[in-house]
Amino acid sequence: MASDFRARVLAVVRRIPSGRVATYGDVALLAGVPRAARAVGTVMRKCRDTRVPCHRVIAAGGGLGGYGSFLHVKRDLLRAEGLEVGVSRVRRFAEVRWPAKKKSRPVLATRLDAGSRFTRGNPGSRTRRLTLQKT
């Protein structure tokens, strides 16, 4: 199972085109295990195959994430591919992310019946939740 996951992760990472990046979560999702972003990081850390562009896998939000103690090498490799990289993050992350995320609208999970309404929680509390109440 673990070697199968490793093989799927490496296959996904090999498909990331030059000049593009994907997050650990994106790679996990494309490998078929959407909640395994940390496991993808482990696979990247242990990968010694130079044919796998591990430097193109970054943290969520465009942060560089890890690259052992050689973060400067990851930064330089990404810059060599034409990406704008600051000290700790990829600039214009949404434009260079692979695969491009589609914008989606949030979907209301509950169908409202006639006579139902959503109300806010206690306005004085720190957390406000929408609750469905029958009227």
N, C-alpha and C. Protein backbone atom coordinates (compact mmCIF):
# COMPACT_ATOMS: atom_id res chain seq x y z
N MET A 1 0.83 -1.20 0.00
CA MET A 1 0.00 0.00 0.00
C MET A 1 0.87 1.26 0.00
N ALA A 2 1.88 1.30 0.88
CA ALA A 2 2.72 2.49 0.98
C ALA A 2 3.51 2.71 -0.30
N SER A 3 4.03 1.64 -0.89
CA SER A 3 4.80 1.81 -2.12
C SER A 3 3.89 2.20 -3.28
N ASP A 4 2.62 1.74 -3.25
CA ASP A 4 1.66 2.12 -4.27
C ASP A 4 1.36 3.62 -4.16
N PHE A 5 1.17 4.10 -2.95
CA PHE A 5 0.93 5.54 -2.74
C PHE A 5 2.15 6.33 -3.19
N ARG A 6 3.33 5.88 -2.84
CA ARG A 6 4.57 6.56 -3.22
C ARG A 6 4.67 6.65 -4.75
N ALA A 7 4.37 5.55 -5.43
CA ALA A 7 4.45 5.52 -6.89
C ALA A 7 3.44 6.49 -7.51
N ARG A 8 2.22 6.54 -6.94
CA ARG A 8 1.20 7.46 -7.47
C ARG A 8 1.61 8.91 -7.25
N VAL A 9 2.18 9.22 -6.08
CA VAL A 9 2.62 10.58 -5.79
C VAL A 9 3.73 10.99 -6.76
N LEU A 10 4.71 10.14 -6.95
CA LEU A 10 5.81 10.46 -7.85
C LEU A 10 5.33 10.62 -9.29
N ALA A 11 4.33 9.83 -9.69
CA ALA A 11 3.78 9.96 -11.04
C ALA A 11 3.09 11.32 -11.21
N VAL A 12 2.38 11.77 -10.19
CA VAL A 12 1.72 13.07 -10.25
C VAL A 12 2.75 14.18 -10.31
N VAL A 13 3.78 14.10 -9.49
CA VAL A 13 4.79 15.16 -9.43
C VAL A 13 5.55 15.24 -10.76
N ARG A 14 5.78 14.12 -11.40
CA ARG A 14 6.47 14.14 -12.70
C ARG A 14 5.65 14.86 -13.76
N ARG A 15 4.33 14.93 -13.59
CA ARG A 15 3.46 15.58 -14.57
C ARG A 15 3.39 17.10 -14.40
N ILE A 16 3.89 17.64 -13.29
CA ILE A 16 3.85 19.09 -13.08
C ILE A 16 4.78 19.74 -14.10
N PRO A 17 4.24 20.62 -14.95
CA PRO A 17 5.08 21.22 -15.99
C PRO A 17 6.08 22.23 -15.43
N SER A 18 7.14 22.45 -16.15
CA SER A 18 8.13 23.44 -15.77
C SER A 18 7.48 24.81 -15.71
N GLY A 19 7.82 25.58 -14.69
CA GLY A 19 7.25 26.91 -14.52
C GLY A 19 5.92 26.92 -13.81
N ARG A 20 5.48 25.76 -13.31
CA ARG A 20 4.23 25.65 -12.57
C ARG A 20 4.52 24.97 -11.24
N VAL A 21 3.62 25.13 -10.27
CA VAL A 21 3.78 24.50 -8.96
C VAL A 21 2.45 23.88 -8.54
N ALA A 22 2.52 22.94 -7.63
CA ALA A 22 1.33 22.33 -7.04
C ALA A 22 1.56 22.23 -5.54
N THR A 23 0.51 22.26 -4.77
CA THR A 23 0.64 22.14 -3.32
C THR A 23 0.70 20.66 -2.94
N TYR A 24 1.14 20.42 -1.72
CA TYR A 24 1.16 19.06 -1.21
C TYR A 24 -0.25 18.48 -1.24
N GLY A 25 -1.24 19.29 -0.90
CA GLY A 25 -2.63 18.85 -0.94
C GLY A 25 -3.12 18.55 -2.33
N ASP A 26 -2.71 19.37 -3.31
CA ASP A 26 -3.08 19.11 -4.70
C ASP A 26 -2.54 17.75 -5.15
N VAL A 27 -1.30 17.49 -4.83
CA VAL A 27 -0.67 16.22 -5.22
C VAL A 27 -1.39 15.05 -4.55
N ALA A 28 -1.72 15.20 -3.27
CA ALA A 28 -2.44 14.14 -2.56
C ALA A 28 -3.79 13.87 -3.22
N LEU A 29 -4.50 14.93 -3.57
CA LEU A 29 -5.80 14.79 -4.21
C LEU A 29 -5.67 14.07 -5.55
N LEU A 30 -4.69 14.48 -6.36
CA LEU A 30 -4.50 13.85 -7.66
C LEU A 30 -3.99 12.42 -7.55
N ALA A 31 -3.35 12.10 -6.43
CA ALA A 31 -2.88 10.73 -6.20
C ALA A 31 -3.99 9.84 -5.65
N GLY A 32 -5.15 10.44 -5.37
CA GLY A 32 -6.29 9.64 -4.92
C GLY A 32 -6.48 9.57 -3.43
N VAL A 33 -5.70 10.31 -2.66
CA VAL A 33 -5.83 10.31 -1.20
C VAL A 33 -5.88 11.77 -0.75
N PRO A 34 -7.07 12.39 -0.79
CA PRO A 34 -7.16 13.84 -0.61
C PRO A 34 -6.69 14.37 0.74
N ARG A 35 -6.66 13.58 1.77
CA ARG A 35 -6.27 14.08 3.09
C ARG A 35 -4.84 13.70 3.47
N ALA A 36 -4.01 13.39 2.50
CA ALA A 36 -2.67 12.89 2.77
C ALA A 36 -1.56 13.88 2.40
N ALA A 37 -1.80 15.17 2.63
CA ALA A 37 -0.79 16.17 2.26
C ALA A 37 0.52 15.95 3.03
N ARG A 38 0.43 15.61 4.29
CA ARG A 38 1.67 15.37 5.06
C ARG A 38 2.42 14.16 4.56
N ALA A 39 1.68 13.15 4.13
CA ALA A 39 2.32 11.95 3.59
C ALA A 39 3.04 12.28 2.28
N VAL A 40 2.46 13.18 1.50
CA VAL A 40 3.13 13.63 0.27
C VAL A 40 4.44 14.31 0.63
N GLY A 41 4.43 15.12 1.68
CA GLY A 41 5.66 15.75 2.15
C GLY A 41 6.72 14.74 2.52
N THR A 42 6.31 13.66 3.14
CA THR A 42 7.25 12.60 3.50
C THR A 42 7.83 11.94 2.26
N VAL A 43 6.98 11.68 1.28
CA VAL A 43 7.47 11.08 0.03
C VAL A 43 8.46 12.02 -0.65
N MET A 44 8.15 13.31 -0.67
CA MET A 44 9.05 14.28 -1.28
C MET A 44 10.39 14.34 -0.54
N ARG A 45 10.33 14.29 0.78
CA ARG A 45 11.55 14.35 1.59
C ARG A 45 12.46 13.15 1.33
N LYS A 46 11.86 11.98 1.14
CA LYS A 46 12.65 10.77 0.97
C LYS A 46 13.04 10.48 -0.48
N CYS A 47 12.49 11.24 -1.41
CA CYS A 47 12.76 11.00 -2.83
C CYS A 47 14.17 11.48 -3.18
N ARG A 48 14.95 10.60 -3.76
CA ARG A 48 16.31 10.95 -4.18
C ARG A 48 16.47 10.87 -5.70
N ASP A 49 15.37 10.64 -6.40
CA ASP A 49 15.39 10.53 -7.85
C ASP A 49 15.44 11.93 -8.46
N THR A 50 16.49 12.24 -9.19
CA THR A 50 16.66 13.57 -9.77
C THR A 50 15.70 13.84 -10.93
N ARG A 51 15.05 12.79 -11.43
CA ARG A 51 14.08 12.97 -12.51
C ARG A 51 12.73 13.45 -12.00
N VAL A 52 12.53 13.45 -10.70
CA VAL A 52 11.27 13.90 -10.10
C VAL A 52 11.45 15.34 -9.64
N PRO A 53 10.68 16.27 -10.17
CA PRO A 53 10.83 17.69 -9.81
C PRO A 53 10.17 18.03 -8.48
N CYS A 54 10.73 17.52 -7.40
CA CYS A 54 10.16 17.73 -6.06
C CYS A 54 10.10 19.21 -5.69
N HIS A 55 10.96 20.02 -6.28
CA HIS A 55 10.98 21.44 -5.95
C HIS A 55 9.71 22.16 -6.41
N ARG A 56 8.92 21.54 -7.28
CA ARG A 56 7.69 22.17 -7.76
C ARG A 56 6.51 21.93 -6.82
N VAL A 57 6.70 21.18 -5.76
CA VAL A 57 5.64 20.94 -4.79
C VAL A 57 5.88 21.89 -3.62
N ILE A 58 4.88 22.73 -3.35
CA ILE A 58 5.02 23.77 -2.34
C ILE A 58 3.87 23.70 -1.34
N ALA A 59 3.96 24.51 -0.31
CA ALA A 59 2.93 24.54 0.72
C ALA A 59 1.70 25.31 0.24
N ALA A 60 0.61 25.12 0.93
CA ALA A 60 -0.64 25.82 0.61
C ALA A 60 -0.44 27.32 0.74
N GLY A 61 -1.10 28.06 -0.10
CA GLY A 61 -1.00 29.51 -0.06
C GLY A 61 0.24 30.06 -0.73
N GLY A 62 1.04 29.21 -1.33
CA GLY A 62 2.22 29.68 -2.05
C GLY A 62 3.51 29.68 -1.25
N GLY A 63 3.46 29.24 0.01
CA GLY A 63 4.69 29.14 0.79
C GLY A 63 5.60 28.07 0.22
N LEU A 64 6.89 28.26 0.37
CA LEU A 64 7.83 27.31 -0.22
C LEU A 64 7.81 25.95 0.45
N GLY A 65 7.38 25.88 1.68
CA GLY A 65 7.38 24.60 2.38
C GLY A 65 8.80 24.19 2.71
N GLY A 66 9.05 22.92 2.72
CA GLY A 66 10.39 22.45 3.08
C GLY A 66 11.16 21.96 1.88
N TYR A 67 12.43 21.81 2.07
CA TYR A 67 13.33 21.21 1.08
C TYR A 67 14.59 20.83 1.85
N GLY A 68 14.35 20.14 2.95
CA GLY A 68 15.46 19.84 3.84
C GLY A 68 16.00 21.13 4.41
N SER A 69 17.27 21.22 4.54
CA SER A 69 17.87 22.48 5.00
C SER A 69 18.38 23.27 3.80
N PHE A 70 17.86 22.96 2.61
CA PHE A 70 18.33 23.59 1.38
C PHE A 70 17.22 24.39 0.71
N LEU A 71 16.52 25.20 1.49
CA LEU A 71 15.43 26.00 0.95
C LEU A 71 15.93 26.96 -0.13
N HIS A 72 17.15 27.43 0.02
CA HIS A 72 17.72 28.32 -1.00
C HIS A 72 17.86 27.61 -2.35
N VAL A 73 18.12 26.31 -2.33
CA VAL A 73 18.22 25.54 -3.57
C VAL A 73 16.85 25.45 -4.24
N LYS A 74 15.80 25.18 -3.45
CA LYS A 74 14.45 25.11 -3.99
C LYS A 74 14.07 26.46 -4.61
N ARG A 75 14.38 27.54 -3.93
CA ARG A 75 14.11 28.89 -4.42
C ARG A 75 14.82 29.12 -5.75
N ASP A 76 16.08 28.75 -5.82
CA ASP A 76 16.87 28.94 -7.04
C ASP A 76 16.35 28.09 -8.20
N LEU A 77 15.94 26.86 -7.92
CA LEU A 77 15.40 25.98 -8.97
C LEU A 77 14.10 26.55 -9.53
N LEU A 78 13.24 27.07 -8.66
CA LEU A 78 11.98 27.66 -9.13
C LEU A 78 12.23 28.93 -9.92
N ARG A 79 13.19 29.73 -9.48
CA ARG A 79 13.53 30.96 -10.22
C ARG A 79 14.11 30.62 -11.59
N ALA A 80 14.89 29.55 -11.67
CA ALA A 80 15.48 29.14 -12.94
C ALA A 80 14.40 28.72 -13.94
N GLU A 81 13.24 28.31 -13.45
CA GLU A 81 12.13 27.94 -14.32
C GLU A 81 11.25 29.15 -14.67
N GLY A 82 11.66 30.33 -14.22
CA GLY A 82 10.94 31.54 -14.58
C GLY A 82 9.90 32.00 -13.59
N LEU A 83 9.81 31.37 -12.44
CA LEU A 83 8.83 31.77 -11.43
C LEU A 83 9.37 32.94 -10.61
N GLU A 84 8.47 33.80 -10.18
CA GLU A 84 8.83 34.88 -9.27
C GLU A 84 8.74 34.33 -7.86
N VAL A 85 9.87 34.27 -7.17
CA VAL A 85 9.91 33.69 -5.83
C VAL A 85 10.53 34.69 -4.88
N GLY A 86 9.81 34.97 -3.80
CA GLY A 86 10.34 35.84 -2.75
C GLY A 86 11.17 35.01 -1.79
N VAL A 87 11.38 35.53 -0.61
CA VAL A 87 12.19 34.84 0.39
C VAL A 87 11.53 33.53 0.82
N SER A 88 10.21 33.56 1.00
CA SER A 88 9.56 32.36 1.52
C SER A 88 8.30 31.93 0.78
N ARG A 89 7.98 32.59 -0.35
CA ARG A 89 6.78 32.19 -1.06
C ARG A 89 6.86 32.50 -2.55
N VAL A 90 6.03 31.78 -3.30
CA VAL A 90 5.94 31.97 -4.74
C VAL A 90 4.96 33.12 -4.99
N ARG A 91 5.39 34.10 -5.74
CA ARG A 91 4.52 35.22 -6.07
C ARG A 91 3.59 34.82 -7.21
N ARG A 92 2.43 35.46 -7.28
CA ARG A 92 1.40 35.15 -8.28
C ARG A 92 1.04 33.67 -8.25
N PHE A 93 0.90 33.15 -7.04
CA PHE A 93 0.66 31.73 -6.82
C PHE A 93 -0.55 31.21 -7.59
N ALA A 94 -1.64 31.94 -7.57
CA ALA A 94 -2.86 31.46 -8.23
C ALA A 94 -2.67 31.31 -9.74
N GLU A 95 -1.80 32.10 -10.32
CA GLU A 95 -1.57 32.05 -11.77
C GLU A 95 -0.67 30.89 -12.18
N VAL A 96 0.23 30.47 -11.31
CA VAL A 96 1.19 29.42 -11.67
C VAL A 96 0.85 28.08 -11.03
N ARG A 97 -0.27 28.02 -10.32
CA ARG A 97 -0.66 26.77 -9.67
C ARG A 97 -1.14 25.77 -10.71
N TRP A 98 -0.74 24.51 -10.52
CA TRP A 98 -1.13 23.44 -11.42
C TRP A 98 -1.81 22.34 -10.63
N PRO A 99 -2.87 21.78 -11.05
CA PRO A 99 -3.75 22.28 -12.09
C PRO A 99 -4.50 23.49 -11.58
N ALA A 100 -4.88 24.38 -12.47
CA ALA A 100 -5.57 25.61 -12.07
C ALA A 100 -6.87 25.24 -11.37
N LYS A 101 -7.13 25.88 -10.26
CA LYS A 101 -8.35 25.62 -9.50
C LYS A 101 -9.51 26.37 -10.14
N LYS A 102 -10.62 25.71 -10.26
CA LYS A 102 -11.81 26.35 -10.78
C LYS A 102 -12.52 27.04 -9.63
N LYS A 103 -13.04 28.21 -9.91
CA LYS A 103 -13.81 28.91 -8.89
C LYS A 103 -15.17 28.25 -8.79
N SER A 104 -15.56 27.95 -7.57
CA SER A 104 -16.86 27.33 -7.38
C SER A 104 -17.65 28.12 -6.35
N ARG A 105 -18.93 28.03 -6.48
CA ARG A 105 -19.80 28.71 -5.52
C ARG A 105 -20.12 27.74 -4.40
N PRO A 106 -20.24 28.25 -3.17
CA PRO A 106 -20.62 27.38 -2.07
C PRO A 106 -22.06 26.88 -2.27
N VAL A 107 -22.28 25.67 -1.90
CA VAL A 107 -23.59 25.06 -2.06
C VAL A 107 -24.23 24.91 -0.69
N LEU A 108 -25.49 25.27 -0.57
CA LEU A 108 -26.21 25.11 0.67
C LEU A 108 -26.48 23.63 0.87
N ALA A 109 -25.99 23.08 1.96
CA ALA A 109 -26.04 21.65 2.18
C ALA A 109 -27.44 21.16 2.54
N THR A 110 -28.26 22.02 3.11
CA THR A 110 -29.58 21.61 3.57
C THR A 110 -30.65 22.29 2.73
N ARG A 111 -31.59 21.53 2.32
CA ARG A 111 -32.71 22.11 1.57
C ARG A 111 -33.69 22.70 2.57
N LEU A 112 -34.07 23.94 2.34
CA LEU A 112 -34.99 24.59 3.26
C LEU A 112 -36.42 24.19 2.95
N ASP A 113 -37.14 23.79 3.99
CA ASP A 113 -38.56 23.50 3.84
C ASP A 113 -39.33 24.80 4.04
N ALA A 114 -40.55 24.81 3.59
CA ALA A 114 -41.40 25.96 3.85
C ALA A 114 -41.56 26.09 5.36
N GLY A 115 -41.39 27.26 5.87
CA GLY A 115 -41.53 27.47 7.30
C GLY A 115 -40.22 27.33 8.06
N SER A 116 -39.10 27.14 7.36
CA SER A 116 -37.80 27.06 8.01
C SER A 116 -37.04 28.34 7.75
N ARG A 117 -36.14 28.67 8.63
CA ARG A 117 -35.30 29.84 8.41
C ARG A 117 -33.97 29.63 9.11
N PHE A 118 -32.95 30.31 8.60
CA PHE A 118 -31.65 30.29 9.24
C PHE A 118 -31.56 31.48 10.18
N THR A 119 -31.01 31.27 11.37
CA THR A 119 -30.80 32.36 12.31
C THR A 119 -29.36 32.35 12.77
N ARG A 120 -28.88 33.49 13.15
CA ARG A 120 -27.52 33.60 13.68
C ARG A 120 -27.53 33.20 15.14
N GLY A 121 -26.37 32.75 15.59
CA GLY A 121 -26.22 32.39 17.00
C GLY A 121 -26.22 33.63 17.88
N ASN A 122 -25.83 33.47 19.09
CA ASN A 122 -25.79 34.56 20.06
C ASN A 122 -24.89 35.67 19.54
N PRO A 123 -25.43 36.88 19.31
CA PRO A 123 -24.62 37.95 18.74
C PRO A 123 -23.47 38.39 19.65
N GLY A 124 -23.54 38.09 20.93
CA GLY A 124 -22.47 38.48 21.84
C GLY A 124 -21.34 37.45 21.92
N SER A 125 -21.56 36.28 21.34
CA SER A 125 -20.54 35.24 21.44
C SER A 125 -19.45 35.47 20.40
N ARG A 126 -18.30 34.86 20.63
CA ARG A 126 -17.19 34.99 19.69
C ARG A 126 -17.45 34.21 18.41
N THR A 127 -18.08 33.08 18.51
CA THR A 127 -18.37 32.29 17.32
C THR A 127 -19.85 32.39 17.02
N ARG A 128 -20.16 32.68 15.80
CA ARG A 128 -21.55 32.78 15.37
C ARG A 128 -21.82 31.66 14.37
N ARG A 129 -22.82 30.90 14.63
CA ARG A 129 -23.16 29.79 13.75
C ARG A 129 -24.55 29.99 13.20
N LEU A 130 -24.72 29.56 11.98
CA LEU A 130 -26.06 29.55 11.40
C LEU A 130 -26.75 28.28 11.82
N THR A 131 -27.95 28.39 12.31
CA THR A 131 -28.68 27.21 12.72
C THR A 131 -30.04 27.20 12.01
N LEU A 132 -30.49 26.04 11.69
CA LEU A 132 -31.77 25.87 11.01
C LEU A 132 -32.84 25.70 12.07
N GLN A 133 -33.85 26.54 12.03
CA GLN A 133 -34.94 26.45 12.99
C GLN A 133 -36.25 26.32 12.27
N LYS A 134 -37.10 25.46 12.79
CA LYS A 134 -38.46 25.33 12.25
C LYS A 134 -39.31 26.45 12.85
N THR A 135 -40.09 27.09 12.03
CA THR A 135 -40.94 28.17 12.54
C THR A 135 -42.39 27.75 12.55
